[in-house]
């Protein structure tokens, strides 16, 4: 059985197809890297949000605690009767 040799046009077409496939593969790899980076960033945001949710849940549980109420009031600038509030304006 005798095989016919591939012609010049066939070789060019195959070469062009291989180049196209290589470029497509590199483009897909770049897209995968981008999506993985976004996924990691979103995972970090989820972890931060869960921590914030946990802190808020603890704040809700302790909302009747007098010490908690006092610390919130002091952070807003409130003082007890007879106390003097000093503000540092040097900063």
N, C-alpha and C. Protein backbone atom coordinates (compact mmCIF):
# COMPACT_ATOMS: atom_id res chain seq x y z
N UNK A 1 0.84 -1.16 0.00
CA UNK A 1 0.00 0.00 0.00
C UNK A 1 0.89 1.24 0.00
N UNK A 2 0.58 2.15 -0.85
CA UNK A 2 1.39 3.34 -1.02
C UNK A 2 0.63 4.54 -0.46
N UNK A 3 1.31 5.35 0.39
CA UNK A 3 0.68 6.55 0.95
C UNK A 3 1.10 7.77 0.15
N UNK A 4 0.16 8.67 0.00
CA UNK A 4 0.44 9.90 -0.72
C UNK A 4 1.07 10.89 0.25
N UNK A 5 2.11 11.56 -0.12
CA UNK A 5 2.77 12.55 0.73
C UNK A 5 1.88 13.78 0.84
N UNK A 6 1.93 14.39 2.04
CA UNK A 6 1.13 15.59 2.27
C UNK A 6 1.69 16.73 1.44
N UNK A 7 0.81 17.48 0.85
CA UNK A 7 1.23 18.59 0.01
C UNK A 7 1.58 19.81 0.86
N UNK A 8 2.09 20.82 0.24
CA UNK A 8 2.50 22.05 0.91
C UNK A 8 1.30 22.74 1.57
N UNK A 9 0.18 22.78 0.90
CA UNK A 9 -1.01 23.44 1.45
C UNK A 9 -1.48 22.71 2.70
N UNK A 10 -1.45 21.39 2.68
CA UNK A 10 -1.85 20.60 3.84
C UNK A 10 -0.93 20.89 5.03
N UNK A 11 0.35 20.97 4.77
CA UNK A 11 1.30 21.28 5.84
C UNK A 11 1.06 22.67 6.42
N UNK A 12 0.77 23.63 5.55
CA UNK A 12 0.50 25.00 6.02
C UNK A 12 -0.77 25.04 6.86
N UNK A 13 -1.81 24.35 6.40
CA UNK A 13 -3.08 24.32 7.13
C UNK A 13 -2.87 23.68 8.51
N UNK A 14 -2.16 22.60 8.56
CA UNK A 14 -1.90 21.93 9.84
C UNK A 14 -1.08 22.82 10.76
N UNK A 15 -0.07 23.50 10.21
CA UNK A 15 0.75 24.40 11.02
C UNK A 15 -0.08 25.55 11.57
N UNK A 16 -0.92 26.14 10.73
CA UNK A 16 -1.79 27.24 11.18
C UNK A 16 -2.73 26.76 12.27
N UNK A 17 -3.31 25.57 12.11
CA UNK A 17 -4.20 25.02 13.13
C UNK A 17 -3.47 24.78 14.45
N UNK A 18 -2.25 24.29 14.38
CA UNK A 18 -1.48 24.06 15.60
C UNK A 18 -1.14 25.37 16.29
N UNK A 19 -0.78 26.39 15.52
CA UNK A 19 -0.51 27.70 16.11
C UNK A 19 -1.76 28.27 16.75
N UNK A 20 -2.90 28.14 16.07
CA UNK A 20 -4.17 28.63 16.62
C UNK A 20 -4.50 27.90 17.93
N UNK A 21 -4.30 26.60 17.96
CA UNK A 21 -4.59 25.83 19.17
C UNK A 21 -3.65 26.23 20.30
N UNK A 22 -2.39 26.49 20.00
CA UNK A 22 -1.44 26.90 21.03
C UNK A 22 -1.81 28.27 21.61
N UNK A 23 -2.20 29.19 20.74
CA UNK A 23 -2.62 30.52 21.20
C UNK A 23 -3.88 30.42 22.03
N UNK A 24 -4.83 29.59 21.59
CA UNK A 24 -6.06 29.40 22.36
C UNK A 24 -5.77 28.81 23.72
N UNK A 25 -4.85 27.86 23.77
CA UNK A 25 -4.48 27.24 25.04
C UNK A 25 -3.85 28.25 25.99
N UNK A 26 -2.98 29.10 25.48
CA UNK A 26 -2.36 30.13 26.31
C UNK A 26 -3.40 31.14 26.81
N UNK A 27 -4.35 31.50 25.94
CA UNK A 27 -5.41 32.42 26.34
C UNK A 27 -6.28 31.82 27.44
N UNK A 28 -6.62 30.55 27.29
CA UNK A 28 -7.43 29.88 28.32
C UNK A 28 -6.67 29.79 29.63
N UNK A 29 -5.36 29.56 29.58
CA UNK A 29 -4.55 29.50 30.80
C UNK A 29 -4.55 30.85 31.50
N UNK A 30 -4.45 31.93 30.72
CA UNK A 30 -4.49 33.27 31.31
C UNK A 30 -5.84 33.54 31.96
N UNK A 31 -6.92 33.09 31.32
CA UNK A 31 -8.25 33.26 31.89
C UNK A 31 -8.39 32.46 33.18
N UNK A 32 -7.85 31.27 33.20
CA UNK A 32 -7.91 30.44 34.41
C UNK A 32 -7.16 31.11 35.55
N UNK A 33 -5.97 31.66 35.27
CA UNK A 33 -5.20 32.36 36.30
C UNK A 33 -5.96 33.56 36.85
N UNK A 34 -6.61 34.31 35.96
CA UNK A 34 -7.39 35.47 36.38
C UNK A 34 -8.55 35.06 37.28
N UNK A 35 -9.26 34.03 36.88
CA UNK A 35 -10.41 33.57 37.67
C UNK A 35 -9.95 33.01 39.01
N UNK A 36 -8.82 32.33 39.04
CA UNK A 36 -8.31 31.82 40.32
C UNK A 36 -7.94 32.96 41.25
N UNK A 37 -7.36 34.02 40.71
CA UNK A 37 -7.04 35.19 41.53
C UNK A 37 -8.29 35.83 42.09
N UNK A 38 -9.32 35.96 41.25
CA UNK A 38 -10.59 36.52 41.72
C UNK A 38 -11.21 35.62 42.78
N UNK A 39 -11.10 34.32 42.59
CA UNK A 39 -11.66 33.37 43.55
C UNK A 39 -10.98 33.51 44.91
N UNK A 40 -9.66 33.66 44.91
CA UNK A 40 -8.94 33.84 46.17
C UNK A 40 -9.33 35.15 46.85
N UNK A 41 -9.50 36.21 46.06
CA UNK A 41 -9.91 37.49 46.63
C UNK A 41 -11.31 37.38 47.24
N UNK A 42 -12.21 36.70 46.56
CA UNK A 42 -13.56 36.52 47.09
C UNK A 42 -13.56 35.65 48.34
N UNK A 43 -12.70 34.66 48.38
CA UNK A 43 -12.60 33.81 49.58
C UNK A 43 -12.12 34.64 50.76
N UNK A 44 -11.19 35.55 50.53
CA UNK A 44 -10.72 36.43 51.61
C UNK A 44 -11.84 37.36 52.07
N UNK A 45 -12.63 37.88 51.13
CA UNK A 45 -13.77 38.73 51.49
C UNK A 45 -14.79 37.95 52.30
N UNK A 46 -15.02 36.71 51.94
CA UNK A 46 -15.98 35.88 52.67
C UNK A 46 -15.50 35.67 54.10
N UNK A 47 -14.20 35.40 54.27
CA UNK A 47 -13.66 35.19 55.61
C UNK A 47 -13.80 36.46 56.45
N UNK A 48 -13.50 37.62 55.86
CA UNK A 48 -13.65 38.89 56.57
C UNK A 48 -15.10 39.14 56.95
N UNK A 49 -16.01 38.86 56.02
CA UNK A 49 -17.43 39.10 56.29
C UNK A 49 -17.94 38.17 57.38
N UNK A 50 -17.48 36.92 57.38
CA UNK A 50 -17.90 35.99 58.44
C UNK A 50 -17.41 36.47 59.80
N UNK A 51 -16.17 36.97 59.84
CA UNK A 51 -15.64 37.48 61.10
C UNK A 51 -16.45 38.69 61.56
N UNK A 52 -16.77 39.58 60.63
CA UNK A 52 -17.57 40.75 60.99
C UNK A 52 -18.97 40.33 61.46
N UNK A 53 -19.56 39.34 60.79
CA UNK A 53 -20.88 38.84 61.21
C UNK A 53 -20.82 38.26 62.62
N UNK A 54 -19.74 37.54 62.91
CA UNK A 54 -19.59 36.96 64.24
C UNK A 54 -19.47 38.07 65.29
N UNK A 55 -18.70 39.11 64.98
CA UNK A 55 -18.56 40.22 65.92
C UNK A 55 -19.90 40.92 66.13
N UNK A 56 -20.66 41.10 65.06
CA UNK A 56 -21.97 41.74 65.19
C UNK A 56 -22.93 40.86 65.99
N UNK A 57 -22.87 39.56 65.79
CA UNK A 57 -23.73 38.65 66.56
C UNK A 57 -23.38 38.72 68.04
N UNK A 58 -22.08 38.79 68.35
CA UNK A 58 -21.67 38.92 69.75
C UNK A 58 -22.13 40.27 70.32
N UNK A 59 -22.07 41.32 69.51
CA UNK A 59 -22.53 42.63 69.96
C UNK A 59 -24.02 42.62 70.25
N UNK A 60 -24.77 41.91 69.43
CA UNK A 60 -26.21 41.81 69.65
C UNK A 60 -26.50 41.04 70.94
N UNK A 61 -25.75 39.96 71.16
CA UNK A 61 -25.94 39.17 72.38
C UNK A 61 -25.61 39.99 73.62
N UNK A 62 -24.62 40.85 73.52
CA UNK A 62 -24.18 41.65 74.68
C UNK A 62 -24.79 43.05 74.70
N UNK A 63 -25.84 43.27 73.94
CA UNK A 63 -26.40 44.62 73.86
C UNK A 63 -27.03 45.09 75.17
N UNK A 64 -27.40 44.18 76.05
CA UNK A 64 -27.98 44.56 77.35
C UNK A 64 -26.92 44.70 78.43
N UNK A 65 -25.68 44.38 78.12
CA UNK A 65 -24.59 44.44 79.09
C UNK A 65 -24.25 45.92 79.38
N UNK A 66 -24.29 46.34 80.65
CA UNK A 66 -24.00 47.74 80.98
C UNK A 66 -22.59 48.19 80.57
N UNK A 67 -21.62 47.31 80.67
CA UNK A 67 -20.26 47.68 80.28
C UNK A 67 -20.18 47.92 78.77
N UNK A 68 -20.88 47.10 78.02
CA UNK A 68 -20.90 47.26 76.57
C UNK A 68 -21.57 48.58 76.19
N UNK A 69 -22.70 48.88 76.83
CA UNK A 69 -23.39 50.14 76.56
C UNK A 69 -22.50 51.34 76.90
N UNK A 70 -21.77 51.24 78.01
CA UNK A 70 -20.88 52.33 78.40
C UNK A 70 -19.75 52.52 77.40
N UNK A 71 -19.17 51.40 76.92
CA UNK A 71 -18.07 51.52 75.97
C UNK A 71 -18.54 52.12 74.64
N UNK A 72 -19.74 51.78 74.21
CA UNK A 72 -20.29 52.36 72.98
C UNK A 72 -20.55 53.84 73.18
N UNK A 73 -21.13 54.20 74.32
CA UNK A 73 -21.41 55.61 74.59
C UNK A 73 -20.12 56.43 74.65
N UNK A 74 -19.09 55.88 75.29
CA UNK A 74 -17.81 56.60 75.39
C UNK A 74 -17.14 56.74 74.02
N UNK A 75 -17.30 55.74 73.17
CA UNK A 75 -16.71 55.85 71.83
C UNK A 75 -17.41 56.93 71.00
N UNK A 76 -18.64 57.25 71.34
CA UNK A 76 -19.39 58.30 70.65
C UNK A 76 -19.18 59.68 71.29
N UNK A 77 -18.40 59.74 72.38
CA UNK A 77 -18.09 61.02 73.00
C UNK A 77 -18.93 61.37 74.20
N UNK A 78 -19.78 60.49 74.66
CA UNK A 78 -20.60 60.76 75.83
C UNK A 78 -19.77 60.55 77.10
N UNK A 79 -20.10 61.31 78.14
CA UNK A 79 -19.41 61.18 79.43
C UNK A 79 -20.45 61.05 80.54
N UNK A 80 -20.00 60.57 81.68
CA UNK A 80 -20.88 60.45 82.84
C UNK A 80 -21.05 61.84 83.46
N UNK A 81 -22.12 62.04 84.20
CA UNK A 81 -22.30 63.33 84.87
C UNK A 81 -21.12 63.61 85.81
N UNK A 82 -20.58 64.80 85.73
CA UNK A 82 -19.46 65.19 86.58
C UNK A 82 -18.11 64.94 85.93
N UNK A 83 -18.04 64.22 84.83
CA UNK A 83 -16.78 63.99 84.15
C UNK A 83 -16.54 65.11 83.13
N UNK A 84 -15.26 65.36 82.84
CA UNK A 84 -14.90 66.36 81.87
C UNK A 84 -14.25 65.66 80.67
N UNK A 85 -14.67 66.00 79.48
CA UNK A 85 -14.13 65.40 78.28
C UNK A 85 -13.03 66.30 77.73
N UNK A 86 -11.86 65.73 77.55
CA UNK A 86 -10.74 66.46 76.97
C UNK A 86 -10.49 65.91 75.57
N UNK A 87 -10.34 66.79 74.60
CA UNK A 87 -10.09 66.39 73.21
C UNK A 87 -8.68 66.81 72.84
N UNK A 88 -7.89 65.88 72.36
CA UNK A 88 -6.51 66.15 71.96
C UNK A 88 -6.54 66.73 70.56
N UNK A 89 -6.23 68.02 70.42
CA UNK A 89 -6.25 68.67 69.11
C UNK A 89 -4.87 68.74 68.49
N UNK A 90 -3.86 68.16 69.15
CA UNK A 90 -2.50 68.21 68.64
C UNK A 90 -2.33 67.30 67.42
N UNK A 91 -3.17 66.32 67.27
CA UNK A 91 -3.03 65.39 66.13
C UNK A 91 -3.73 65.91 64.96
